[in-house]
Amino acid sequence: MQMDIKKTEPKLIFRTERLYFRTMTQEDFGLLCQILQDEKAMYAYEHAFSDEEVREWLNRQLGRYEEYGFGLWMVHRLDDGEFLGQAGLTMQDGGGRQVLEIGYLFKRAFWHNGYATEAAAGLKEYAFRVLGRDEVYSIIRDSNAASQRVAERNGMEVAGAIVKHYYGMDMPHYLYCVKKKNRKVQKIGGADGPTSVFVGRPAGRKKKEEFTEFLDRAAASVRPCRKSMEEAASYLVDKHGAKPWPLTVRQLQTLKSNVIMNCYEGVLKRPEPLKEGAGENEVRSWFAQDTSFEQAEAYPADRLNLDMRAWLLPDTEQKDGGDISPAKGEAVSEAGEKTVVEMEMNSGYVSLRSGSEEIMDDLTLFLGVSREDIEHRSPRFITYAALLRRRGEIC
């Protein structure tokens, strides 16, 4: 049955490093069909939706907005507005009680780009920071290994199991859960740098001590080996077969904003830092006053003498031992998008657009760290040390 729900204008909910989330409208029926009528994208549901089922799905979200103030939202890429999929928060049966769940469905063309992980992380923080919830769940089929990995990367652990009866079948599901702990304001991000600000939880004293000890060991064994950005560009060309690539005006704008947020925070005016243990009202007020992203977008690039460049990489494949070498094929990632490395040559900022993490890891190891990075335990040094530990070169 089709619900009679009033049409609504799209409303921006929040944004993360590469994504923005907005409410659905009746006009989004065609976009939703691109996902919900794709049998492979809907494998967890065991069938592609009919037009009537898509309409019911859409109306259900609009109803959730009115009842709860949240639901599944449309997800777009920040730099060009491309529609990627849907993700949001919904109330679901968690085995006899209602729980708040993180859910998402992305178009197949955009799988394997880290969008699900980024969306899930942002939704977790939205649940804690904006909705004031103490816990949030992901309910995942036992056969859905990819979503289980996303939940684990989101700090979730298995808290139980239920069986859903759907489409004439019994479907076992795991209940993944993460609980809110004492929290402080911090920035989070990925390859593009921490350009989104959320409320995060501090590590426990023991974990802090263990991590500090690890960094001390790494500092004692790592030698200064920082390469220049020009050397990094030559490395991309020589080893990966990269070629210079022009960015669109919008892509340059996004790159500029990320560079300023990460490397030139001194040009931005921000509210006084929140004290640890600040209440929800104080946090909301702080975020209402923080216009740093808008300032970064408006700041003229020529004032900082920014030298922004990009390189297109051919398809890559991982050989035994983790080496990344060029493979035959067009310059696209597994998801069908162009794999582009973006750099700002003066600040040393590097980001990867639509490529595998192995490429960024390889470039990070090539660039190395400076003596100053080591002495000050900079974010660059921490990333470098973590990569070496993952490769078994330090412990």
Protein backbone atom coordinates (compact mmCIF):
# COMPACT_ATOMS: atom_id res chain seq x y z
CA MET A 1 0.00 0.00 0.00
CA GLN A 2 1.31 3.44 -0.88
CA MET A 3 1.38 5.83 2.07
CA ASP A 4 0.04 9.33 1.58
CA ILE A 5 3.01 11.36 2.78
CA LYS A 6 3.53 15.00 2.00
CA LYS A 7 6.43 15.82 -0.28
CA THR A 8 9.38 17.43 1.42
CA GLU A 9 12.25 19.61 0.29
CA PRO A 10 15.71 18.03 0.65
CA LYS A 11 17.55 19.07 3.81
CA LEU A 12 21.29 18.75 4.44
CA ILE A 13 21.88 16.58 7.52
CA PHE A 14 25.68 16.46 7.90
CA ARG A 15 28.83 15.83 5.94
CA THR A 16 32.01 13.87 6.40
CA GLU A 17 35.34 14.02 4.66
CA ARG A 18 34.11 13.04 1.19
CA LEU A 19 30.34 12.70 1.61
CA TYR A 20 27.24 14.67 2.43
CA PHE A 21 23.92 13.30 3.66
CA ARG A 22 20.51 14.78 2.84
CA THR A 23 16.89 13.83 3.36
CA MET A 24 15.00 11.90 0.70
CA THR A 25 12.13 13.40 -1.28
CA GLN A 26 9.48 11.85 -3.51
CA GLU A 27 11.59 12.95 -6.48
CA ASP A 28 14.33 10.49 -5.43
CA PHE A 29 12.34 7.45 -6.61
CA GLY A 30 14.45 7.06 -9.76
CA LEU A 31 17.75 7.31 -7.86
CA LEU A 32 16.64 4.71 -5.32
CA CYS A 33 15.66 2.35 -8.15
CA GLN A 34 19.31 2.34 -9.25
CA ILE A 35 20.15 0.50 -6.00
CA LEU A 36 16.98 -1.26 -4.89
CA GLN A 37 16.31 -2.78 -8.31
CA ASP A 38 19.88 -4.02 -8.74
CA GLU A 39 19.78 -7.72 -7.82
CA LYS A 40 23.49 -7.86 -6.98
CA ALA A 41 23.37 -4.76 -4.79
CA MET A 42 20.36 -6.27 -2.99
CA TYR A 43 21.89 -9.69 -2.37
CA ALA A 44 21.29 -9.40 1.38
CA TYR A 45 17.55 -9.05 0.63
CA GLU A 46 17.57 -12.02 -1.78
CA HIS A 47 15.73 -10.10 -4.50
CA ALA A 48 15.54 -6.85 -6.44
CA PHE A 49 12.62 -4.60 -5.50
CA SER A 50 9.59 -3.92 -7.66
CA ASP A 51 8.49 -0.33 -8.32
CA GLU A 52 5.87 -0.70 -5.58
CA GLU A 53 8.47 -1.93 -3.07
CA VAL A 54 10.80 0.97 -3.92
CA ARG A 55 7.95 3.43 -3.37
CA GLU A 56 7.10 1.80 -0.04
CA TRP A 57 10.77 1.98 0.97
CA LEU A 58 10.90 5.68 0.11
CA ASN A 59 7.68 6.47 1.95
CA ARG A 60 8.90 4.51 4.97
CA GLN A 61 11.92 6.81 5.24
CA LEU A 62 9.77 9.93 4.95
CA GLY A 63 7.56 8.52 7.69
CA ARG A 64 10.61 7.91 9.87
CA TYR A 65 11.69 11.52 9.45
CA GLU A 66 8.32 12.65 10.82
CA GLU A 67 8.21 10.11 13.66
CA TYR A 68 11.86 10.04 14.80
CA GLY A 69 13.61 12.92 13.07
CA PHE A 70 15.96 10.51 11.28
CA GLY A 71 15.98 7.56 8.89
CA LEU A 72 17.93 6.55 5.81
CA TRP A 73 19.35 9.55 3.93
CA MET A 74 20.66 10.07 0.42
CA VAL A 75 24.47 10.08 0.22
CA HIS A 76 26.34 12.21 -2.32
CA ARG A 77 30.01 12.76 -3.01
CA LEU A 78 31.07 16.15 -1.67
CA ASP A 79 33.32 17.28 -4.51
CA ASP A 80 30.96 16.75 -7.45
CA GLY A 81 27.52 15.90 -6.03
CA GLU A 82 27.49 12.38 -7.53
CA PHE A 83 24.75 10.19 -5.99
CA LEU A 84 26.44 7.22 -4.29
CA GLY A 85 23.73 5.52 -2.29
CA GLN A 86 21.78 5.75 0.94
CA ALA A 87 22.78 5.48 4.58
CA GLY A 88 21.32 6.47 7.89
CA LEU A 89 19.93 5.49 11.28
CA THR A 90 16.72 3.54 11.88
CA MET A 91 14.99 1.84 14.79
CA GLN A 92 15.06 -1.94 14.35
CA ASP A 93 14.11 -5.06 16.28
CA GLY A 94 17.22 -6.21 18.12
CA GLY A 95 15.81 -9.43 19.52
CA GLY A 96 12.82 -8.32 21.54
CA ARG A 97 13.76 -4.65 21.94
CA GLN A 98 14.13 -1.66 19.66
CA VAL A 99 17.72 -0.60 18.89
CA LEU A 100 19.21 2.21 16.85
CA GLU A 101 20.89 0.74 13.76
CA ILE A 102 23.40 2.05 11.24
CA GLY A 103 22.37 0.98 7.75
CA TYR A 104 23.61 1.66 4.23
CA LEU A 105 23.20 0.58 0.62
CA PHE A 106 25.54 1.91 -2.06
CA LYS A 107 25.44 1.64 -5.83
CA ARG A 108 27.70 -1.18 -7.01
CA ALA A 109 29.72 1.25 -9.14
CA PHE A 110 30.99 2.84 -5.91
CA TRP A 111 31.83 -0.23 -3.86
CA HIS A 112 35.45 -0.71 -2.67
CA ASN A 113 36.14 3.00 -2.22
CA GLY A 114 35.77 3.20 1.56
CA TYR A 115 32.45 5.04 1.34
CA ALA A 116 30.59 2.52 3.54
CA THR A 117 33.29 2.73 6.22
CA GLU A 118 33.28 6.54 6.13
CA ALA A 119 29.48 6.72 6.21
CA ALA A 120 29.22 4.25 9.09
CA ALA A 121 31.81 6.18 11.13
CA GLY A 122 29.98 9.45 10.55
CA LEU A 123 26.62 7.90 11.46
CA LYS A 124 28.03 6.47 14.68
CA GLU A 125 29.23 9.91 15.72
CA TYR A 126 25.91 11.47 14.66
CA ALA A 127 24.07 8.98 16.89
CA PHE A 128 26.30 9.82 19.86
CA ARG A 129 26.77 13.55 19.33
CA VAL A 130 23.51 14.78 17.83
CA LEU A 131 20.98 12.19 19.00
CA GLY A 132 22.66 11.73 22.37
CA ARG A 133 22.43 7.91 22.23
CA ASP A 134 24.57 5.69 24.44
CA GLU A 135 24.86 2.81 21.99
CA VAL A 136 24.32 2.06 18.32
CA TYR A 137 24.05 -1.22 16.40
CA SER A 138 24.64 -2.75 12.99
CA ILE A 139 22.49 -5.82 12.25
CA ILE A 140 24.30 -7.86 9.61
CA ARG A 141 23.59 -11.17 7.89
CA ASP A 142 25.96 -13.96 8.88
CA SER A 143 26.99 -14.32 5.22
CA ASN A 144 27.80 -10.61 4.71
CA ALA A 145 31.54 -10.58 5.48
CA ALA A 146 32.11 -7.15 3.88
CA SER A 147 29.63 -5.38 6.17
CA GLN A 148 30.99 -7.27 9.16
CA ARG A 149 34.43 -5.81 8.42
CA VAL A 150 32.93 -2.32 8.17
CA ALA A 151 31.30 -2.78 11.59
CA GLU A 152 34.56 -3.97 13.12
CA ARG A 153 36.45 -0.99 11.68
CA ASN A 154 33.74 1.17 13.26
CA GLY A 155 34.72 -0.12 16.71
CA MET A 156 31.81 -2.55 16.95
CA GLU A 157 31.80 -6.01 18.50
CA VAL A 158 29.30 -8.89 18.22
CA ALA A 159 26.77 -8.52 21.04
CA GLY A 160 24.28 -11.19 20.01
CA ALA A 161 22.48 -12.91 17.15
CA ILE A 162 18.92 -13.03 15.84
CA VAL A 163 17.07 -14.75 13.01
CA LYS A 164 15.02 -12.58 10.68
CA HIS A 165 12.15 -14.14 8.72
CA TYR A 166 12.01 -12.40 5.37
CA TYR A 167 10.95 -13.27 1.84
CA GLY A 168 10.03 -16.81 2.92
CA MET A 169 13.43 -17.54 4.46
CA ASP A 170 15.13 -17.64 7.85
CA MET A 171 18.12 -15.26 7.78
CA PRO A 172 20.60 -15.42 10.69
CA HIS A 173 22.00 -11.98 11.61
CA TYR A 174 24.73 -10.82 13.98
CA LEU A 175 24.08 -7.83 16.24
CA TYR A 176 27.18 -5.63 16.26
CA CYS A 177 27.25 -2.91 18.90
CA VAL A 178 29.43 -0.01 20.06
CA LYS A 179 28.75 1.96 23.24
CA LYS A 180 29.47 5.59 23.98
CA LYS A 181 32.17 6.22 26.55
CA ASN A 182 33.60 9.42 27.98
CA ARG A 183 34.04 11.64 24.96
CA LYS A 184 36.01 14.65 23.81
CA VAL A 185 35.98 16.73 20.65
CA GLN A 186 38.44 15.59 18.00
CA LYS A 187 38.88 15.45 14.23
CA ILE A 188 38.59 12.23 12.28
CA GLY A 189 39.38 11.41 8.70
CA GLY A 190 41.08 9.07 6.28
CA ALA A 191 43.46 9.37 3.36
CA ASP A 192 42.29 12.90 2.59
CA GLY A 193 43.08 14.05 6.13
CA PRO A 194 40.81 14.81 9.08
CA THR A 195 38.41 17.33 7.58
CA SER A 196 35.36 16.40 9.65
CA VAL A 197 35.02 17.22 13.32
CA PHE A 198 33.17 14.89 15.64
CA VAL A 199 33.05 13.97 19.28
CA GLY A 200 35.36 11.02 19.83
CA ARG A 201 36.22 8.84 22.80
CA PRO A 202 39.66 9.05 24.42
CA ALA A 203 41.72 5.91 24.74
CA GLY A 204 42.04 4.29 28.14
CA ARG A 205 45.17 4.94 30.23
CA LYS A 206 46.62 1.49 29.57
CA LYS A 207 46.13 1.78 25.81
CA LYS A 208 47.66 5.26 25.83
CA GLU A 209 50.71 3.96 27.68
CA GLU A 210 51.08 1.01 25.29
CA PHE A 211 50.78 3.29 22.27
CA THR A 212 53.33 5.74 23.68
CA GLU A 213 55.75 2.89 24.30
CA PHE A 214 55.28 1.70 20.72
CA LEU A 215 56.00 5.18 19.34
CA ASP A 216 59.13 5.41 21.50
CA ARG A 217 60.37 2.08 20.11
CA ALA A 218 59.58 3.21 16.58
CA ALA A 219 61.37 6.54 17.09
CA ALA A 220 64.47 4.69 18.25
CA SER A 221 64.58 2.47 15.15
CA VAL A 222 63.33 4.78 12.36
CA ARG A 223 65.85 7.00 10.62
CA PRO A 224 65.04 10.33 8.92
CA CYS A 225 64.29 9.57 5.27
CA ARG A 226 61.86 12.24 4.09
CA LYS A 227 61.63 12.62 0.31
CA SER A 228 60.51 15.76 -1.48
CA MET A 229 57.13 16.04 -3.18
CA GLU A 230 58.86 16.36 -6.54
CA GLU A 231 60.57 13.02 -5.85
CA ALA A 232 57.19 11.54 -4.95
CA ALA A 233 55.74 12.78 -8.23
CA SER A 234 58.61 11.19 -10.16
CA TYR A 235 58.10 7.98 -8.19
CA LEU A 236 54.45 7.84 -9.26
CA VAL A 237 55.45 8.27 -12.89
CA ASP A 238 58.39 5.84 -12.85
CA LYS A 239 56.93 3.02 -10.73
CA HIS A 240 53.19 3.33 -11.24
CA GLY A 241 53.07 4.70 -14.78
CA ALA A 242 51.14 7.76 -13.60
CA LYS A 243 50.51 10.79 -15.79
CA PRO A 244 49.52 14.40 -14.91
CA TRP A 245 45.77 14.80 -14.56
CA PRO A 246 43.64 17.99 -14.59
CA LEU A 247 41.21 18.42 -11.71
CA THR A 248 37.82 20.04 -12.13
CA VAL A 249 37.11 23.40 -10.49
CA ARG A 250 35.08 21.66 -7.79
CA GLN A 251 37.78 19.06 -7.17
CA LEU A 252 40.39 21.81 -6.82
CA GLN A 253 38.10 23.60 -4.38
CA THR A 254 37.71 20.47 -2.25
CA LEU A 255 41.45 19.77 -2.35
CA LYS A 256 42.19 23.36 -1.29
CA SER A 257 39.77 23.11 1.63
CA ASN A 258 41.30 19.83 2.81
CA VAL A 259 44.83 21.25 2.57
CA ILE A 260 43.90 24.31 4.62
CA MET A 261 42.03 22.28 7.25
CA ASN A 262 45.00 19.94 7.66
CA CYS A 263 48.06 22.10 7.07
CA TYR A 264 47.12 25.75 7.54
CA GLU A 265 44.70 25.79 10.47
CA GLY A 266 46.29 29.03 11.64
CA VAL A 267 44.38 31.00 8.98
CA LEU A 268 41.04 29.79 10.36
CA LYS A 269 39.14 31.28 13.27
CA ARG A 270 37.68 28.60 15.50
CA PRO A 271 35.80 28.65 18.82
CA GLU A 272 37.72 28.03 22.02
CA PRO A 273 38.39 24.30 22.47
CA LEU A 274 35.81 22.42 24.49
CA LYS A 275 36.83 21.18 27.89
CA GLU A 276 36.86 17.41 28.36
CA GLY A 277 33.57 16.23 29.77
CA ALA A 278 31.51 18.98 28.10
CA GLY A 279 27.79 18.34 28.05
CA GLU A 280 25.61 17.78 25.00
CA ASN A 281 24.35 21.39 24.95
CA GLU A 282 27.91 22.71 25.06
CA VAL A 283 28.92 20.39 22.22
CA ARG A 284 25.97 21.45 20.08
CA SER A 285 26.78 25.11 20.71
CA TRP A 286 30.44 24.55 19.80
CA PHE A 287 29.56 22.98 16.48
CA ALA A 288 27.03 25.70 15.70
CA GLN A 289 29.83 28.27 16.09
CA ASP A 290 32.49 26.33 14.17
CA THR A 291 32.59 27.60 10.58
CA SER A 292 36.13 26.40 9.81
CA PHE A 293 35.14 24.34 6.77
CA GLU A 294 33.23 27.25 5.25
CA GLN A 295 36.22 29.52 5.95
CA ALA A 296 38.56 27.05 4.24
CA GLU A 297 36.28 26.91 1.20
CA ALA A 298 36.28 30.72 0.92
CA TYR A 299 40.01 31.25 1.60
CA PRO A 300 41.95 32.29 -1.56
CA ALA A 301 44.47 29.63 -2.59
CA ASP A 302 46.92 32.19 -3.92
CA ARG A 303 47.37 33.71 -0.44
CA LEU A 304 49.07 30.48 0.62
CA ASN A 305 50.86 29.97 -2.70
CA LEU A 306 49.27 26.53 -3.00
CA ASP A 307 50.68 24.30 -5.75
CA MET A 308 47.98 21.67 -6.27
CA ARG A 309 48.59 18.86 -8.74
CA ALA A 310 47.13 15.46 -9.57
CA TRP A 311 48.28 12.24 -11.28
CA LEU A 312 46.20 9.55 -12.90
CA LEU A 313 47.26 5.96 -12.20
CA PRO A 314 46.64 2.93 -14.40
CA ASP A 315 44.97 -0.14 -12.92
CA THR A 316 47.15 -1.74 -10.29
CA GLU A 317 47.47 -5.19 -8.86
CA GLN A 318 49.09 -6.43 -5.66
CA LYS A 319 51.86 -8.92 -6.19
CA ASP A 320 53.23 -11.33 -3.58
CA GLY A 321 55.02 -9.46 -0.84
CA GLY A 322 52.80 -6.39 -1.13
CA ASP A 323 54.54 -4.73 -4.10
CA ILE A 324 52.28 -2.52 -6.17
CA SER A 325 53.04 -2.58 -9.89
CA PRO A 326 51.21 -1.34 -12.99
CA ALA A 327 48.87 -3.76 -14.71
CA LYS A 328 47.25 -3.60 -18.08
CA GLY A 329 43.97 -1.77 -18.43
CA GLU A 330 42.43 1.65 -18.26
CA ALA A 331 43.15 4.04 -15.42
CA VAL A 332 40.22 3.06 -13.19
CA SER A 333 39.81 1.53 -9.75
CA GLU A 334 37.97 -1.69 -8.96
CA ALA A 335 34.76 0.32 -8.66
CA GLY A 336 35.16 1.76 -12.15
CA GLU A 337 36.34 5.23 -11.13
CA LYS A 338 39.60 6.90 -12.07
CA THR A 339 42.38 6.39 -9.54
CA VAL A 340 43.94 9.79 -8.93
CA VAL A 341 46.63 10.92 -6.48
CA GLU A 342 46.25 14.55 -5.40
CA MET A 343 49.13 16.56 -3.92
CA GLU A 344 49.85 20.02 -2.60
CA MET A 345 53.55 20.36 -3.25
CA ASN A 346 54.47 22.96 -0.60
CA SER A 347 52.70 21.51 2.45
CA GLY A 348 53.30 17.84 1.64
CA TYR A 349 49.58 17.04 1.66
CA VAL A 350 48.64 13.86 -0.26
CA SER A 351 45.26 12.24 -0.89
CA LEU A 352 44.03 9.35 -2.99
CA ARG A 353 40.84 9.47 -5.01
CA SER A 354 39.05 6.15 -5.60
CA GLY A 355 42.03 3.81 -5.31
CA SER A 356 43.20 0.99 -3.07
CA GLU A 357 44.77 1.65 0.32
CA GLU A 358 47.88 -0.22 -0.84
CA ILE A 359 48.72 2.62 -3.24
CA MET A 360 48.56 5.22 -0.48
CA ASP A 361 50.56 2.97 1.86
CA ASP A 362 53.22 2.51 -0.80
CA LEU A 363 53.48 6.26 -1.35
CA THR A 364 53.56 6.97 2.40
CA LEU A 365 56.47 4.57 2.86
CA PHE A 366 58.32 6.11 -0.09
CA LEU A 367 57.90 9.67 1.23
CA GLY A 368 59.23 8.67 4.63
CA VAL A 369 59.57 10.96 7.65
CA SER A 370 61.81 13.84 8.70
CA ARG A 371 63.79 14.23 11.92
CA GLU A 372 61.19 16.77 13.06
CA ASP A 373 58.40 14.24 12.40
CA ILE A 374 60.16 11.70 14.59
CA GLU A 375 60.98 14.09 17.41
CA HIS A 376 57.48 15.57 17.59
CA ARG A 377 55.63 12.28 16.94
CA SER A 378 53.77 13.99 14.10
CA PRO A 379 50.69 12.41 12.45
CA ARG A 380 52.96 11.59 9.48
CA PHE A 381 55.33 9.69 11.77
CA ILE A 382 52.47 7.86 13.52
CA THR A 383 51.07 6.71 10.17
CA TYR A 384 54.53 5.70 8.95
CA ALA A 385 55.28 3.74 12.14
CA ALA A 386 51.92 1.96 12.02
CA LEU A 387 52.59 0.86 8.44
CA LEU A 388 56.00 -0.50 9.41
CA ARG A 389 54.46 -2.43 12.28
CA ARG A 390 51.80 -3.85 9.98
CA ARG A 391 54.58 -5.05 7.66
CA GLY A 392 56.41 -6.63 10.60
CA GLU A 393 59.43 -4.31 10.35
CA ILE A 394 58.98 -2.94 13.87
CA CYS A 395 57.01 -4.32 16.81
